[in-house]
Each structure stands twice: as C-alpha cells, then as structure tokens.
C-alpha cells in the first residue's frame, strides 16, 4: 500500500485534530500546570501524528510499524493524562468523554492500519 504522502493518511489527520483538541483543553488548565500536566499531555499528543509521519518517512514497512507502535503508546499516555485532568476537576465530563471517543476511534484506526502494514 503506497500513499503519496503521510498527509494522505487518515490516522495522521485524526492525530492532528486530537492534538488541537488537547491544546484547547490545556489552555483552560491552571497556570501552575504549565510545566506539569499541560506540558506532558501536549508532548504525548504531538507524538501521535509526529511518529506516524516519521515512520512513513522511513520508507520501510518494518520501521513504519515501529513508529506506529510508538504512536499507540503515546495515545495511551494521552488517555491516561486526560483521565487525570478530569479526576482533578480540571476539565468537564463532556470534554473528557469527547476526547476519549476520539482516542478510541483513532486507536482502532491505527491498529487496523498496523494490520495492513503487517500484511
């Protein structure tokens, strides 16, 4: 399976929009979390589409699979951190649920893509 660019991958695009949503939520966090939860979840969510792009750029399915696995790990990290933010009453249940739905959908799509790479 060949794409013209990583930009053609739905998983990359969904990762970008998840990052935007997370940044929107972290804008609302207390300023004392700037170097704590805000920074941690932002780095993790940026890692998702970044690793998809980097893996694509390696032009080798085995290396691409490695970076896909990293993106799944980062996605799990984002899921954990959004739960912590919610438990600390720093986001609404609606924001939490909306983000979790997007994470679950993206995880399913990344895993399906991984299966295609595995042949």
Protein backbone atom coordinates (compact mmCIF):
# COMPACT_ATOMS: atom_id res chain seq x y z
CA UNK A 1 0.00 0.00 0.00
CA UNK A 2 1.52 3.28 -1.06
CA UNK A 3 0.41 6.81 -0.37
CA UNK A 4 1.77 9.96 -1.95
CA UNK A 5 2.43 11.46 1.47
CA UNK A 6 1.79 10.84 5.15
CA UNK A 7 -0.68 13.73 4.77
CA UNK A 8 -2.93 11.29 2.88
CA UNK A 9 -3.22 9.04 5.93
CA UNK A 10 -6.46 9.37 7.87
CA UNK A 11 -4.66 8.38 11.08
CA UNK A 12 -2.23 11.28 10.69
CA UNK A 13 -5.06 13.76 10.09
CA UNK A 14 -7.09 12.49 13.04
CA UNK A 15 -3.97 12.73 15.19
CA UNK A 16 -3.59 16.40 14.23
CA UNK A 17 -7.15 17.21 15.23
CA UNK A 18 -6.78 15.33 18.50
CA UNK A 19 -3.72 17.48 19.20
CA UNK A 20 -5.75 20.62 18.54
CA UNK A 21 -8.46 19.44 20.94
CA UNK A 22 -5.91 18.68 23.65
CA UNK A 23 -4.28 22.09 23.24
CA UNK A 24 -7.73 23.70 23.56
CA UNK A 25 -8.27 21.87 26.85
CA UNK A 26 -4.81 22.64 28.22
CA UNK A 27 -5.41 26.38 27.62
CA UNK A 28 -8.03 26.12 30.38
CA UNK A 29 -5.76 24.39 32.90
CA UNK A 30 -4.40 26.36 35.87
CA UNK A 31 -1.16 28.21 35.16
CA UNK A 32 0.69 26.09 37.74
CA UNK A 33 0.15 23.11 35.41
CA UNK A 34 2.01 24.77 32.52
CA UNK A 35 5.11 22.66 33.18
CA UNK A 36 3.20 19.70 34.61
CA UNK A 37 0.16 18.08 33.07
CA UNK A 38 -0.17 20.63 30.26
CA UNK A 39 3.34 20.07 29.01
CA UNK A 40 3.18 16.29 29.44
CA UNK A 41 -0.11 15.76 27.59
CA UNK A 42 0.88 18.19 24.84
CA UNK A 43 4.14 16.33 24.20
CA UNK A 44 2.31 12.99 24.17
CA UNK A 45 -0.44 14.10 21.78
CA UNK A 46 2.02 15.76 19.40
CA UNK A 47 3.94 12.48 19.37
CA UNK A 48 1.00 10.60 17.83
CA UNK A 49 0.89 12.23 14.35
CA UNK A 50 4.62 13.02 14.50
CA UNK A 51 5.56 9.35 14.82
CA UNK A 52 3.14 8.40 12.06
CA UNK A 53 4.83 10.96 9.80
CA UNK A 54 8.33 9.90 10.81
CA UNK A 55 7.55 6.23 10.28
CA UNK A 56 6.14 6.99 6.86
CA UNK A 57 9.26 8.94 6.01
CA UNK A 58 11.49 5.95 6.74
CA UNK A 59 10.10 4.25 3.60
CA UNK A 60 10.36 0.83 5.21
CA UNK A 61 7.34 -1.09 6.49
CA UNK A 62 9.21 -2.60 9.45
CA UNK A 63 10.41 0.80 10.61
CA UNK A 64 6.96 2.25 9.95
CA UNK A 65 5.48 -0.44 12.21
CA UNK A 66 7.91 0.57 14.95
CA UNK A 67 6.74 4.18 14.79
CA UNK A 68 3.09 3.10 14.65
CA UNK A 69 3.68 1.22 17.93
CA UNK A 70 5.19 4.35 19.45
CA UNK A 71 2.16 6.38 18.36
CA UNK A 72 -0.12 3.84 20.07
CA UNK A 73 1.91 4.18 23.25
CA UNK A 74 1.64 7.95 23.10
CA UNK A 75 -2.10 7.66 22.58
CA UNK A 76 -2.37 5.54 25.74
CA UNK A 77 -0.39 8.21 27.57
CA UNK A 78 -2.83 10.91 26.38
CA UNK A 79 -5.76 8.77 27.53
CA UNK A 80 -4.24 8.40 30.98
CA UNK A 81 -3.47 12.09 31.27
CA UNK A 82 -6.96 13.21 30.22
CA UNK A 83 -8.34 10.93 32.94
CA UNK A 84 -6.02 12.56 35.48
CA UNK A 85 -7.06 16.02 34.33
CA UNK A 86 -10.70 15.01 34.70
CA UNK A 87 -10.15 13.42 38.14
CA UNK A 88 -8.52 16.64 39.30
CA UNK A 89 -11.65 18.53 38.13
CA UNK A 90 -9.67 20.44 35.51
CA UNK A 91 -11.98 19.53 32.62
CA UNK A 92 -15.65 18.74 32.24
CA UNK A 93 -17.13 15.28 31.83
CA UNK A 94 -18.21 16.36 28.34
CA UNK A 95 -14.66 17.32 27.35
CA UNK A 96 -13.32 14.08 28.85
CA UNK A 97 -15.87 11.94 27.02
CA UNK A 98 -15.38 13.75 23.71
CA UNK A 99 -11.60 13.26 23.90
CA UNK A 100 -11.94 9.61 24.95
CA UNK A 101 -14.24 8.92 21.98
CA UNK A 102 -11.66 10.41 19.62
CA UNK A 103 -8.86 8.41 21.26
CA UNK A 104 -10.81 5.14 20.97
CA UNK A 105 -11.65 5.83 17.32
CA UNK A 106 -8.06 6.77 16.48
CA UNK A 107 -6.66 3.72 18.29
CA UNK A 108 -8.94 1.44 16.26
CA UNK A 109 -7.86 3.08 13.02
CA UNK A 110 -4.16 2.91 13.89
CA UNK A 111 -4.47 -0.77 14.81
CA UNK A 112 -6.30 -1.50 11.54
CA UNK A 113 -3.58 0.34 9.63
CA UNK A 114 -0.94 -1.63 11.52
CA UNK A 115 -2.56 -4.87 10.36
CA UNK A 116 -2.33 -3.68 6.76
CA UNK A 117 1.37 -2.96 7.18
CA UNK A 118 1.92 -6.37 8.78
CA UNK A 119 0.41 -7.98 5.65
